[in-house]
Amino acid sequence: QVQLVESGGGLVQAGGSLRLSCAASGISFRFGAMSWHRQAPGKQRELVALITSSGPTRYADSVKGRFTISRDNANNTLHLQMNSLKPDDTAVYYCNAAITTIQNYWGQGTQVTVSS
């Protein structure tokens, strides 16, 4: 059974930091492109950061220089370090695993709220 379980969300003041984690099971984690997405109320889900199976990363322009995505293949865990948080970062954050074009999985999401 495939499971992606996010944790680490919460309420933080603007300028603060949070570290999200995504624990994966039931998938060949090290072979997948892993990513974080977010969805704010009334908006479409958007890609925040991606890390390929070999390590290269990509970030949305809005988070470059503030967020860092990383992966721990030994422990099947994905992280997102979020610094200098802004109210516009408020959203539900989702973990995604893209193992193949068919094997594409989502977590249940974790709420991040940044107060001004």
PDB file of N, CA and C in Angstrom:
ATOM      1  N   GLN A   1       0.849  -1.197   0.000  1.00  0.00           N
ATOM      2  CA  GLN A   1       0.000   0.000   0.000  1.00  0.00           C
ATOM      3  C   GLN A   1       0.880   1.241   0.000  1.00  0.00           C
ATOM      4  N   VAL A   2       0.590   2.147  -0.942  1.00  0.00           N
ATOM      5  CA  VAL A   2       1.368   3.369  -1.052  1.00  0.00           C
ATOM      6  C   VAL A   2       0.866   4.397  -0.036  1.00  0.00           C
ATOM      7  N   GLN A   3       1.802   4.986   0.685  1.00  0.00           N
ATOM      8  CA  GLN A   3       1.455   6.059   1.614  1.00  0.00           C
ATOM      9  C   GLN A   3       2.473   7.171   1.532  1.00  0.00           C
ATOM     10  N   LEU A   4       1.992   8.392   1.457  1.00  0.00           N
ATOM     11  CA  LEU A   4       2.807   9.592   1.587  1.00  0.00           C
ATOM     12  C   LEU A   4       2.192  10.394   2.719  1.00  0.00           C
ATOM     13  N   VAL A   5       2.937  10.578   3.781  1.00  0.00           N
ATOM     14  CA  VAL A   5       2.407  11.233   4.968  1.00  0.00           C
ATOM     15  C   VAL A   5       3.217  12.484   5.262  1.00  0.00           C
ATOM     16  N   GLU A   6       2.567  13.641   5.104  1.00  0.00           N
ATOM     17  CA  GLU A   6       3.233  14.918   5.371  1.00  0.00           C
ATOM     18  C   GLU A   6       3.121  15.280   6.847  1.00  0.00           C
ATOM     19  N   SER A   7       4.100  16.017   7.306  1.00  0.00           N
ATOM     20  CA  SER A   7       4.082  16.536   8.673  1.00  0.00           C
ATOM     21  C   SER A   7       4.893  17.815   8.720  1.00  0.00           C
ATOM     22  N   GLY A   8       4.739  18.562   9.814  1.00  0.00           N
ATOM     23  CA  GLY A   8       5.547  19.748  10.025  1.00  0.00           C
ATOM     24  C   GLY A   8       4.849  21.072   9.767  1.00  0.00           C
ATOM     25  N   GLY A   9       3.615  21.011   9.277  1.00  0.00           N
ATOM     26  CA  GLY A   9       2.893  22.251   9.056  1.00  0.00           C
ATOM     27  C   GLY A   9       2.476  22.890  10.366  1.00  0.00           C
ATOM     28  N   GLY A  10       1.942  24.104  10.265  1.00  0.00           N
ATOM     29  CA  GLY A  10       1.492  24.787  11.465  1.00  0.00           C
ATOM     30  C   GLY A  10       1.317  26.267  11.234  1.00  0.00           C
ATOM     31  N   LEU A  11       1.220  26.994  12.340  1.00  0.00           N
ATOM     32  CA  LEU A  11       1.039  28.438  12.316  1.00  0.00           C
ATOM     33  C   LEU A  11       2.360  29.107  12.690  1.00  0.00           C
ATOM     34  N   VAL A  12       2.787  30.053  11.886  1.00  0.00           N
ATOM     35  CA  VAL A  12       4.044  30.745  12.130  1.00  0.00           C
ATOM     36  C   VAL A  12       3.889  32.213  11.746  1.00  0.00           C
ATOM     37  N   GLN A  13       4.642  33.070  12.396  1.00  0.00           N
ATOM     38  CA  GLN A  13       4.614  34.491  12.050  1.00  0.00           C
ATOM     39  C   GLN A  13       5.453  34.747  10.799  1.00  0.00           C
ATOM     40  N   ALA A  14       5.116  35.806  10.096  1.00  0.00           N
ATOM     41  CA  ALA A  14       5.889  36.200   8.927  1.00  0.00           C
ATOM     42  C   ALA A  14       7.366  36.364   9.310  1.00  0.00           C
ATOM     43  N   GLY A  15       8.238  35.851   8.450  1.00  0.00           N
ATOM     44  CA  GLY A  15       9.672  35.869   8.731  1.00  0.00           C
ATOM     45  C   GLY A  15      10.180  34.619   9.405  1.00  0.00           C
ATOM     46  N   GLY A  16       9.260  33.784   9.858  1.00  0.00           N
ATOM     47  CA  GLY A  16       9.636  32.560  10.547  1.00  0.00           C
ATOM     48  C   GLY A  16       9.946  31.427   9.590  1.00  0.00           C
ATOM     49  N   SER A  17      10.193  30.255  10.179  1.00  0.00           N
ATOM     50  CA  SER A  17      10.585  29.074   9.409  1.00  0.00           C
ATOM     51  C   SER A  17       9.756  27.864   9.809  1.00  0.00           C
ATOM     52  N   LEU A  18       9.612  26.965   8.862  1.00  0.00           N
ATOM     53  CA  LEU A  18       9.014  25.662   9.104  1.00  0.00           C
ATOM     54  C   LEU A  18       9.757  24.633   8.257  1.00  0.00           C
ATOM     55  N   ARG A  19       9.752  23.402   8.732  1.00  0.00           N
ATOM     56  CA  ARG A  19      10.348  22.299   7.964  1.00  0.00           C
ATOM     57  C   ARG A  19       9.294  21.227   7.779  1.00  0.00           C
ATOM     58  N   LEU A  20       8.920  21.017   6.533  1.00  0.00           N
ATOM     59  CA  LEU A  20       7.949  19.977   6.213  1.00  0.00           C
ATOM     60  C   LEU A  20       8.668  18.676   5.902  1.00  0.00           C
ATOM     61  N   SER A  21       8.032  17.582   6.247  1.00  0.00           N
ATOM     62  CA  SER A  21       8.551  16.265   5.916  1.00  0.00           C
ATOM     63  C   SER A  21       7.462  15.435   5.271  1.00  0.00           C
ATOM     64  N   CYS A  22       7.890  14.505   4.422  1.00  0.00           N
ATOM     65  CA  CYS A  22       6.964  13.584   3.765  1.00  0.00           C
ATOM     66  C   CYS A  22       7.575  12.187   3.872  1.00  0.00           C
ATOM     67  N   ALA A  23       6.926  11.337   4.630  1.00  0.00           N
ATOM     68  CA  ALA A  23       7.404   9.964   4.803  1.00  0.00           C
ATOM     69  C   ALA A  23       6.688   9.072   3.796  1.00  0.00           C
ATOM     70  N   ALA A  24       7.473   8.396   2.970  1.00  0.00           N
ATOM     71  CA  ALA A  24       6.920   7.570   1.908  1.00  0.00           C
ATOM     72  C   ALA A  24       7.086   6.093   2.227  1.00  0.00           C
ATOM     73  N   SER A  25       6.090   5.316   1.850  1.00  0.00           N
ATOM     74  CA  SER A  25       6.175   3.860   1.981  1.00  0.00           C
ATOM     75  C   SER A  25       5.410   3.221   0.832  1.00  0.00           C
ATOM     76  N   GLY A  26       5.822   2.006   0.480  1.00  0.00           N
ATOM     77  CA  GLY A  26       5.138   1.282  -0.588  1.00  0.00           C
ATOM     78  C   GLY A  26       5.528   1.683  -1.985  1.00  0.00           C
ATOM     79  N   ILE A  27       6.578   2.510  -2.120  1.00  0.00           N
ATOM     80  CA  ILE A  27       7.035   2.930  -3.440  1.00  0.00           C
ATOM     81  C   ILE A  27       8.551   2.799  -3.512  1.00  0.00           C
ATOM     82  N   SER A  28       9.060   2.777  -4.731  1.00  0.00           N
ATOM     83  CA  SER A  28      10.507   2.775  -4.945  1.00  0.00           C
ATOM     84  C   SER A  28      10.981   4.219  -4.880  1.00  0.00           C
ATOM     85  N   PHE A  29      11.078   4.713  -3.649  1.00  0.00           N
ATOM     86  CA  PHE A  29      11.295   6.141  -3.404  1.00  0.00           C
ATOM     87  C   PHE A  29      12.489   6.686  -4.173  1.00  0.00           C
ATOM     88  N   ARG A  30      13.598   5.948  -4.168  1.00  0.00           N
ATOM     89  CA  ARG A  30      14.831   6.529  -4.715  1.00  0.00           C
ATOM     90  C   ARG A  30      14.775   6.704  -6.233  1.00  0.00           C
ATOM     91  N   PHE A  31      13.812   6.049  -6.884  1.00  0.00           N
ATOM     92  CA  PHE A  31      13.705   6.157  -8.337  1.00  0.00           C
ATOM     93  C   PHE A  31      12.779   7.286  -8.776  1.00  0.00           C
ATOM     94  N   GLY A  32      12.113   7.919  -7.830  1.00  0.00           N
ATOM     95  CA  GLY A  32      11.087   8.871  -8.201  1.00  0.00           C
ATOM     96  C   GLY A  32      11.521  10.318  -8.149  1.00  0.00           C
ATOM     97  N   ALA A  33      10.897  11.125  -8.984  1.00  0.00           N
ATOM     98  CA  ALA A  33      10.990  12.568  -8.849  1.00  0.00           C
ATOM     99  C   ALA A  33       9.998  12.958  -7.763  1.00  0.00           C
ATOM    100  N   MET A  34      10.496  13.650  -6.746  1.00  0.00           N
ATOM    101  CA  MET A  34       9.662  14.034  -5.613  1.00  0.00           C
ATOM    102  C   MET A  34       9.435  15.540  -5.635  1.00  0.00           C
ATOM    103  N   SER A  35       8.270  15.951  -5.217  1.00  0.00           N
ATOM    104  CA  SER A  35       7.988  17.383  -5.274  1.00  0.00           C
ATOM    105  C   SER A  35       7.008  17.797  -4.187  1.00  0.00           C
ATOM    106  N   TRP A  36       7.016  19.091  -3.930  1.00  0.00           N
ATOM    107  CA  TRP A  36       6.052  19.738  -3.042  1.00  0.00           C
ATOM    108  C   TRP A  36       5.192  20.676  -3.880  1.00  0.00           C
ATOM    109  N   HIS A  37       3.911  20.634  -3.619  1.00  0.00           N
ATOM    110  CA  HIS A  37       2.956  21.512  -4.251  1.00  0.00           C
ATOM    111  C   HIS A  37       2.154  22.195  -3.147  1.00  0.00           C
ATOM    112  N   ARG A  38       1.468  23.270  -3.496  1.00  0.00           N
ATOM    113  CA  ARG A  38       0.609  23.920  -2.508  1.00  0.00           C
ATOM    114  C   ARG A  38      -0.651  24.450  -3.172  1.00  0.00           C
ATOM    115  N   GLN A  39      -1.682  24.563  -2.353  1.00  0.00           N
ATOM    116  CA  GLN A  39      -2.942  25.088  -2.843  1.00  0.00           C
ATOM    117  C   GLN A  39      -3.527  26.016  -1.791  1.00  0.00           C
ATOM    118  N   ALA A  40      -3.658  27.271  -2.171  1.00  0.00           N
ATOM    119  CA  ALA A  40      -4.275  28.265  -1.298  1.00  0.00           C
ATOM    120  C   ALA A  40      -5.770  28.317  -1.595  1.00  0.00           C
ATOM    121  N   PRO A  41      -6.572  28.805  -0.662  1.00  0.00           N
ATOM    122  CA  PRO A  41      -8.021  28.874  -0.889  1.00  0.00           C
ATOM    123  C   PRO A  41      -8.355  29.663  -2.151  1.00  0.00           C
ATOM    124  N   GLY A  42      -9.185  29.082  -2.992  1.00  0.00           N
ATOM    125  CA  GLY A  42      -9.616  29.759  -4.208  1.00  0.00           C
ATOM    126  C   GLY A  42      -8.599  29.779  -5.330  1.00  0.00           C
ATOM    127  N   LYS A  43      -7.485  29.092  -5.127  1.00  0.00           N
ATOM    128  CA  LYS A  43      -6.434  29.074  -6.152  1.00  0.00           C
ATOM    129  C   LYS A  43      -6.148  27.650  -6.603  1.00  0.00           C
ATOM    130  N   GLN A  44      -5.499  27.544  -7.761  1.00  0.00           N
ATOM    131  CA  GLN A  44      -5.111  26.230  -8.264  1.00  0.00           C
ATOM    132  C   GLN A  44      -3.880  25.725  -7.521  1.00  0.00           C
ATOM    133  N   ARG A  45      -3.748  24.409  -7.491  1.00  0.00           N
ATOM    134  CA  ARG A  45      -2.550  23.820  -6.907  1.00  0.00           C
ATOM    135  C   ARG A  45      -1.355  24.180  -7.791  1.00  0.00           C
ATOM    136  N   GLU A  46      -0.245  24.520  -7.140  1.00  0.00           N
ATOM    137  CA  GLU A  46       0.935  24.926  -7.894  1.00  0.00           C
ATOM    138  C   GLU A  46       2.173  24.192  -7.390  1.00  0.00           C
ATOM    139  N   LEU A  47       3.119  23.996  -8.293  1.00  0.00           N
ATOM    140  CA  LEU A  47       4.385  23.378  -7.934  1.00  0.00           C
ATOM    141  C   LEU A  47       5.222  24.363  -7.133  1.00  0.00           C
ATOM    142  N   VAL A  48       5.755  23.911  -6.013  1.00  0.00           N
ATOM    143  CA  VAL A  48       6.626  24.735  -5.180  1.00  0.00           C
ATOM    144  C   VAL A  48       8.090  24.373  -5.427  1.00  0.00           C
ATOM    145  N   ALA A  49       8.406  23.080  -5.359  1.00  0.00           N
ATOM    146  CA  ALA A  49       9.783  22.631  -5.518  1.00  0.00           C
ATOM    147  C   ALA A  49       9.795  21.170  -5.934  1.00  0.00           C
ATOM    148  N   LEU A  50      10.824  20.823  -6.702  1.00  0.00           N
ATOM    149  CA  LEU A  50      10.952  19.454  -7.198  1.00  0.00           C
ATOM    150  C   LEU A  50      12.403  19.017  -7.080  1.00  0.00           C
ATOM    151  N   ILE A  51      12.597  17.745  -6.792  1.00  0.00           N
ATOM    152  CA  ILE A  51      13.935  17.170  -6.783  1.00  0.00           C
ATOM    153  C   ILE A  51      13.880  15.851  -7.537  1.00  0.00           C
ATOM    154  N   THR A  52      14.784  15.704  -8.504  1.00  0.00           N
ATOM    155  CA  THR A  52      14.767  14.494  -9.317  1.00  0.00           C
ATOM    156  C   THR A  52      15.420  13.337  -8.563  1.00  0.00           C
ATOM    157  N   SER A  53      15.346  12.162  -9.156  1.00  0.00           N
ATOM    158  CA  SER A  53      15.940  10.992  -8.517  1.00  0.00           C
ATOM    159  C   SER A  53      17.453  11.126  -8.411  1.00  0.00           C
ATOM    160  N   SER A  54      18.070  11.883  -9.319  1.00  0.00           N
ATOM    161  CA  SER A  54      19.525  12.048  -9.300  1.00  0.00           C
ATOM    162  C   SER A  54      19.971  13.295  -8.547  1.00  0.00           C
ATOM    163  N   GLY A  55      19.012  14.128  -8.109  1.00  0.00           N
ATOM    164  CA  GLY A  55      19.389  15.245  -7.250  1.00  0.00           C
ATOM    165  C   GLY A  55      19.105  16.656  -7.695  1.00  0.00           C
ATOM    166  N   PRO A  56      19.103  16.970  -8.986  1.00  0.00           N
ATOM    167  CA  PRO A  56      18.810  18.350  -9.398  1.00  0.00           C
ATOM    168  C   PRO A  56      17.456  18.816  -8.888  1.00  0.00           C
ATOM    169  N   THR A  57      17.389  20.115  -8.625  1.00  0.00           N
ATOM    170  CA  THR A  57      16.188  20.701  -8.050  1.00  0.00           C
ATOM    171  C   THR A  57      15.646  21.819  -8.931  1.00  0.00           C
ATOM    172  N   ARG A  58      14.375  22.118  -8.710  1.00  0.00           N
ATOM    173  CA  ARG A  58      13.725  23.231  -9.392  1.00  0.00           C
ATOM    174  C   ARG A  58      12.752  23.860  -8.422  1.00  0.00           C
ATOM    175  N   TYR A  59      12.656  25.201  -8.482  1.00  0.00           N
ATOM    176  CA  TYR A  59      11.798  25.937  -7.558  1.00  0.00           C
ATOM    177  C   TYR A  59      10.888  26.919  -8.298  1.00  0.00           C
ATOM    178  N   ALA A  60       9.736  27.158  -7.725  1.00  0.00           N
ATOM    179  CA  ALA A  60       8.890  28.243  -8.209  1.00  0.00           C
ATOM    180  C   ALA A  60       9.609  29.560  -7.934  1.00  0.00           C
ATOM    181  N   ASP A  61       9.440  30.523  -8.821  1.00  0.00           N
ATOM    182  CA  ASP A  61      10.118  31.807  -8.644  1.00  0.00           C
ATOM    183  C   ASP A  61       9.780  32.447  -7.301  1.00  0.00           C
ATOM    184  N   SER A  62       8.572  32.235  -6.843  1.00  0.00           N
ATOM    185  CA  SER A  62       8.110  32.890  -5.614  1.00  0.00           C
ATOM    186  C   SER A  62       8.809  32.370  -4.359  1.00  0.00           C
ATOM    187  N   VAL A  63       9.478  31.218  -4.443  1.00  0.00           N
ATOM    188  CA  VAL A  63      10.116  30.661  -3.249  1.00  0.00           C
ATOM    189  C   VAL A  63      11.629  30.529  -3.390  1.00  0.00           C
ATOM    190  N   LYS A  64      12.168  30.866  -4.552  1.00  0.00           N
ATOM    191  CA  LYS A  64      13.622  30.757  -4.757  1.00  0.00           C
ATOM    192  C   LYS A  64      14.368  31.581  -3.729  1.00  0.00           C
ATOM    193  N   GLY A  65      15.405  30.959  -3.154  1.00  0.00           N
ATOM    194  CA  GLY A  65      16.209  31.641  -2.157  1.00  0.00           C
ATOM    195  C   GLY A  65      15.647  31.559  -0.748  1.00  0.00           C
ATOM    196  N   ARG A  66      14.414  31.071  -0.609  1.00  0.00           N
ATOM    197  CA  ARG A  66      13.799  30.953   0.722  1.00  0.00           C
ATOM    198  C   ARG A  66      13.529  29.502   1.108  1.00  0.00           C
ATOM    199  N   PHE A  67      13.175  28.688   0.129  1.00  0.00           N
ATOM    200  CA  PHE A  67      12.831  27.279   0.380  1.00  0.00           C
ATOM    201  C   PHE A  67      13.933  26.376  -0.153  1.00  0.00           C
ATOM    202  N   THR A  68      14.122  25.252   0.517  1.00  0.00           N
ATOM    203  CA  THR A  68      15.088  24.250   0.066  1.00  0.00           C
ATOM    204  C   THR A  68      14.457  22.864   0.152  1.00  0.00           C
ATOM    205  N   ILE A  69      14.456  22.166  -0.963  1.00  0.00           N
ATOM    206  CA  ILE A  69      13.935  20.803  -1.000  1.00  0.00           C
ATOM    207  C   ILE A  69      15.108  19.830  -0.882  1.00  0.00           C
ATOM    208  N   SER A  70      14.882  18.743  -0.158  1.00  0.00           N
ATOM    209  CA  SER A  70      15.924  17.727  -0.023  1.00  0.00           C
ATOM    210  C   SER A  70      15.270  16.367   0.149  1.00  0.00           C
ATOM    211  N   ARG A  71      16.060  15.337  -0.108  1.00  0.00           N
ATOM    212  CA  ARG A  71      15.532  13.979   0.014  1.00  0.00           C
ATOM    213  C   ARG A  71      16.528  13.095   0.745  1.00  0.00           C
ATOM    214  N   ASP A  72      15.990  12.157   1.517  1.00  0.00           N
ATOM    215  CA  ASP A  72      16.790  11.183   2.249  1.00  0.00           C
ATOM    216  C   ASP A  72      16.367   9.818   1.739  1.00  0.00           C
ATOM    217  N   ASN A  73      17.099   9.307   0.754  1.00  0.00           N
ATOM    218  CA  ASN A  73      16.707   8.035   0.136  1.00  0.00           C
ATOM    219  C   ASN A  73      16.840   6.860   1.108  1.00  0.00           C
ATOM    220  N   ALA A  74      17.739   6.965   2.050  1.00  0.00           N
ATOM    221  CA  ALA A  74      17.920   5.873   3.008  1.00  0.00           C
ATOM    222  C   ALA A  74      16.693   5.702   3.895  1.00  0.00           C
ATOM    223  N   ASN A  75      15.995   6.818   4.146  1.00  0.00           N
ATOM    224  CA  ASN A  75      14.832   6.776   5.027  1.00  0.00           C
ATOM    225  C   ASN A  75      13.515   7.082   4.309  1.00  0.00           C
ATOM    226  N   ASN A  76      13.560   7.112   2.979  1.00  0.00           N
ATOM    227  CA  ASN A  76      12.353   7.354   2.173  1.00  0.00           C
ATOM    228  C   ASN A  76      11.603   8.601   2.629  1.00  0.00           C
ATOM    229  N   THR A  77      12.362   9.674   2.807  1.00  0.00           N
ATOM    230  CA  THR A  77      11.757  10.902   3.333  1.00  0.00           C
ATOM    231  C   THR A  77      12.135  12.097   2.476  1.00  0.00           C
ATOM    232  N   LEU A  78      11.155  12.952   2.259  1.00  0.00           N
ATOM    233  CA  LEU A  78      11.323  14.201   1.526  1.00  0.00           C
ATOM    234  C   LEU A  78      11.145  15.355   2.501  1.00  0.00           C
ATOM    235  N   HIS A  79      11.947  16.397   2.331  1.00  0.00           N
ATOM    236  CA  HIS A  79      11.836  17.557   3.223  1.00  0.00           C
ATOM    237  C   HIS A  79      11.666  18.837   2.422  1.00  0.00           C
ATOM    238  N   LEU A  80      11.095  19.831   3.087  1.00  0.00           N
ATOM    239  CA  LEU A  80      11.048  21.177   2.527  1.00  0.00           C
ATOM    240  C   LEU A  80      11.338  22.146   3.662  1.00  0.00           C
ATOM    241  N   GLN A  81      12.508  22.761   3.616  1.00  0.00           N
ATOM    242  CA  GLN A  81      12.866  23.787   4.589  1.00  0.00           C
ATOM    243  C   GLN A  81      12.365  25.120   4.069  1.00  0.00           C
ATOM    244  N   MET A  82      11.523  25.766   4.848  1.00  0.00           N
ATOM    245  CA  MET A  82      10.912  27.021   4.426  1.00  0.00           C
ATOM    246  C   MET A  82      11.345  28.131   5.378  1.00  0.00           C
ATOM    247  N   ASN A  83      12.080  29.092   4.860  1.00  0.00           N
ATOM    248  CA  ASN A  83      12.563  30.224   5.648  1.00  0.00           C
ATOM    249  C   ASN A  83      11.942  31.519   5.140  1.00  0.00           C
ATOM    250  N   SER A  84      12.034  32.544   5.950  1.00  0.00           N
ATOM    251  CA  SER A  84      11.510  33.870   5.580  1.00  0.00           C
ATOM    252  C   SER A  84      10.088  33.772   5.047  1.00  0.00           C
ATOM    253  N   LEU A  85       9.272  33.081   5.784  1.00  0.00           N
ATOM    254  CA  LEU A  85       7.903  32.831   5.328  1.00  0.00           C
ATOM    255  C   LEU A  85       7.096  34.114   5.252  1.00  0.00           C
ATOM    256  N   LYS A  86       6.204  34.146   4.273  1.00  0.00           N
ATOM    257  CA  LYS A  86       5.346  35.304   4.034  1.00  0.00           C
ATOM    258  C   LYS A  86       3.882  34.866   4.131  1.00  0.00           C
ATOM    259  N   PRO A  87       2.977  35.809   4.399  1.00  0.00           N
ATOM    260  CA  PRO A  87       1.554  35.439   4.416  1.00  0.00           C
ATOM    261  C   PRO A  87       1.098  34.778   3.120  1.00  0.00           C
ATOM    262  N   ASP A  88       1.695  35.165   1.982  1.00  0.00           N
ATOM    263  CA  ASP A  88       1.322  34.556   0.693  1.00  0.00           C
ATOM    264  C   ASP A  88       1.713  33.089   0.599  1.00  0.00           C
ATOM    265  N   ASP A  89       2.533  32.606   1.517  1.00  0.00           N
ATOM    266  CA  ASP A  89       2.899  31.189   1.537  1.00  0.00           C
ATOM    267  C   ASP A  89       1.829  30.328   2.209  1.00  0.00           C
ATOM    268  N   THR A  90       0.822  30.963   2.779  1.00  0.00           N
ATOM    269  CA  THR A  90      -0.256  30.220   3.433  1.00  0.00           C
ATOM    270  C   THR A  90      -0.980  29.343   2.429  1.00  0.00           C
ATOM    271  N   ALA A  91      -1.044  28.049   2.725  1.00  0.00           N
ATOM    272  CA  ALA A  91      -1.663  27.082   1.807  1.00  0.00           C
ATOM    273  C   ALA A  91      -1.621  25.707   2.452  1.00  0.00           C
ATOM    274  N   VAL A  92      -2.294  24.770   1.805  1.00  0.00           N
ATOM    275  CA  VAL A  92      -2.096  23.366   2.131  1.00  0.00           C
ATOM    276  C   VAL A  92      -0.966  22.859   1.239  1.00  0.00           C
ATOM    277  N   TYR A  93       0.027  22.243   1.856  1.00  0.00           N
ATOM    278  CA  TYR A  93       1.192  21.756   1.132  1.00  0.00           C
ATOM    279  C   TYR A  93       1.083  20.243   0.956  1.00  0.00           C
ATOM    280  N   TYR A  94       1.297  19.798  -0.284  1.00  0.00           N
ATOM    281  CA  TYR A  94       1.162  18.394  -0.643  1.00  0.00           C
ATOM    282  C   TYR A  94       2.493  17.837  -1.155  1.00  0.00           C
ATOM    283  N   CYS A  95       2.748  16.628  -0.778  1.00  0.00           N
ATOM    284  CA  CYS A  95       3.895  15.875  -1.266  1.00  0.00           C
ATOM    285  C   CYS A  95       3.446  15.034  -2.464  1.00  0.00           C
ATOM    286  N   ASN A  96       4.289  14.975  -3.492  1.00  0.00           N
ATOM    287  CA  ASN A  96       3.994  14.161  -4.677  1.00  0.00           C
ATOM    288  C   ASN A  96       5.181  13.281  -5.016  1.00  0.00           C
ATOM    289  N   ALA A  97       4.864  12.050  -5.389  1.00  0.00           N
ATOM    290  CA  ALA A  97       5.890  11.111  -5.861  1.00  0.00           C
ATOM    291  C   ALA A  97       5.537  10.686  -7.274  1.00  0.00           C
ATOM    292  N   ALA A  98       6.436  10.962  -8.193  1.00  0.00           N
ATOM    293  CA  ALA A  98       6.249  10.561  -9.594  1.00  0.00           C
ATOM    294  C   ALA A  98       7.294   9.488  -9.904  1.00  0.00           C
ATOM    295  N   ILE A  99       6.871   8.227  -9.800  1.00  0.00           N
ATOM    296  CA  ILE A  99       7.789   7.109 -10.011  1.00  0.00           C
ATOM    297  C   ILE A  99       7.857   6.779 -11.500  1.00  0.00           C
ATOM    298  N   THR A 100       6.707   6.679 -12.134  1.00  0.00           N
ATOM    299  CA  THR A 100       6.590   6.520 -13.569  1.00  0.00           C
ATOM    300  C   THR A 100       5.423   7.400 -14.007  1.00  0.00           C
ATOM    301  N   THR A 101       5.104   7.396 -15.300  1.00  0.00           N
ATOM    302  CA  THR A 101       3.969   8.198 -15.754  1.00  0.00           C
ATOM    303  C   THR A 101       2.652   7.680 -15.182  1.00  0.00           C
ATOM    304  N   ILE A 102       2.643   6.411 -14.838  1.00  0.00           N
ATOM    305  CA  ILE A 102       1.429   5.815 -14.261  1.00  0.00           C
ATOM    306  C   ILE A 102       1.467   5.864 -12.737  1.00  0.00           C
ATOM    307  N   GLN A 103       2.600   5.623 -12.152  1.00  0.00           N
ATOM    308  CA  GLN A 103       2.747   5.607 -10.701  1.00  0.00           C
ATOM    309  C   GLN A 103       3.027   7.013 -10.207  1.00  0.00           C
ATOM    310  N   ASN A 104       1.930   7.714  -9.902  1.00  0.00           N
ATOM    311  CA  ASN A 104       2.006   9.104  -9.452  1.00  0.00           C
ATOM    312  C   ASN A 104       1.114   9.222  -8.229  1.00  0.00           C
ATOM    313  N   TYR A 105       1.695   9.631  -7.086  1.00  0.00           N
ATOM    314  CA  TYR A 105       0.976   9.567  -5.818  1.00  0.00           C
ATOM    315  C   TYR A 105       1.033  10.894  -5.082  1.00  0.00           C
ATOM    316  N   TRP A 106      -0.026  11.140  -4.290  1.00  0.00           N
ATOM    317  CA  TRP A 106      -0.131  12.366  -3.500  1.00  0.00           C
ATOM    318  C   TRP A 106      -0.349  12.037  -2.027  1.00  0.00           C
ATOM    319  N   GLY A 107       0.178  12.905  -1.177  1.00  0.00           N
ATOM    320  CA  GLY A 107      -0.129  12.832   0.238  1.00  0.00           C
ATOM    321  C   GLY A 107      -1.439  13.555   0.530  1.00  0.00           C
ATOM    322  N   GLN A 108      -1.809  13.551   1.808  1.00  0.00           N
ATOM    323  CA  GLN A 108      -3.086  14.144   2.198  1.00  0.00           C
ATOM    324  C   GLN A 108      -2.980  15.640   2.451  1.00  0.00           C
ATOM    325  N   GLY A 109      -1.780  16.153   2.556  1.00  0.00           N
ATOM    326  CA  GLY A 109      -1.570  17.582   2.729  1.00  0.00           C
ATOM    327  C   GLY A 109      -1.365  17.988   4.172  1.00  0.00           C
ATOM    328  N   THR A 110      -0.653  19.091   4.352  1.00  0.00           N
ATOM    329  CA  THR A 110      -0.443  19.669   5.679  1.00  0.00           C
ATOM    330  C   THR A 110      -0.617  21.183   5.570  1.00  0.00           C
ATOM    331  N   GLN A 111      -1.335  21.755   6.516  1.00  0.00           N
ATOM    332  CA  GLN A 111      -1.661  23.178   6.469  1.00  0.00           C
ATOM    333  C   GLN A 111      -0.493  24.018   6.974  1.00  0.00           C
ATOM    334  N   VAL A 112      -0.149  25.025   6.202  1.00  0.00           N
ATOM    335  CA  VAL A 112       0.829  26.034   6.617  1.00  0.00           C
ATOM    336  C   VAL A 112       0.119  27.379   6.633  1.00  0.00           C
ATOM    337  N   THR A 113       0.150  28.045   7.775  1.00  0.00           N
ATOM    338  CA  THR A 113      -0.483  29.349   7.911  1.00  0.00           C
ATOM    339  C   THR A 113       0.552  30.342   8.408  1.00  0.00           C
ATOM    340  N   VAL A 114       0.732  31.427   7.657  1.00  0.00           N
ATOM    341  CA  VAL A 114       1.708  32.449   8.012  1.00  0.00           C
ATOM    342  C   VAL A 114       0.945  33.720   8.356  1.00  0.00           C
ATOM    343  N   SER A 115       1.084  34.170   9.575  1.00  0.00           N
ATOM    344  CA  SER A 115       0.384  35.372  10.013  1.00  0.00           C
ATOM    345  C   SER A 115       1.262  36.603   9.806  1.00  0.00           C
ATOM    346  N   SER A 116       0.606  37.727   9.527  1.00  0.00           N
ATOM    347  CA  SER A 116       1.355  38.976   9.282  1.00  0.00           C
ATOM    348  C   SER A 116       1.589  39.748  10.569  1.00  0.00           C
TER     349      SER A 116
END
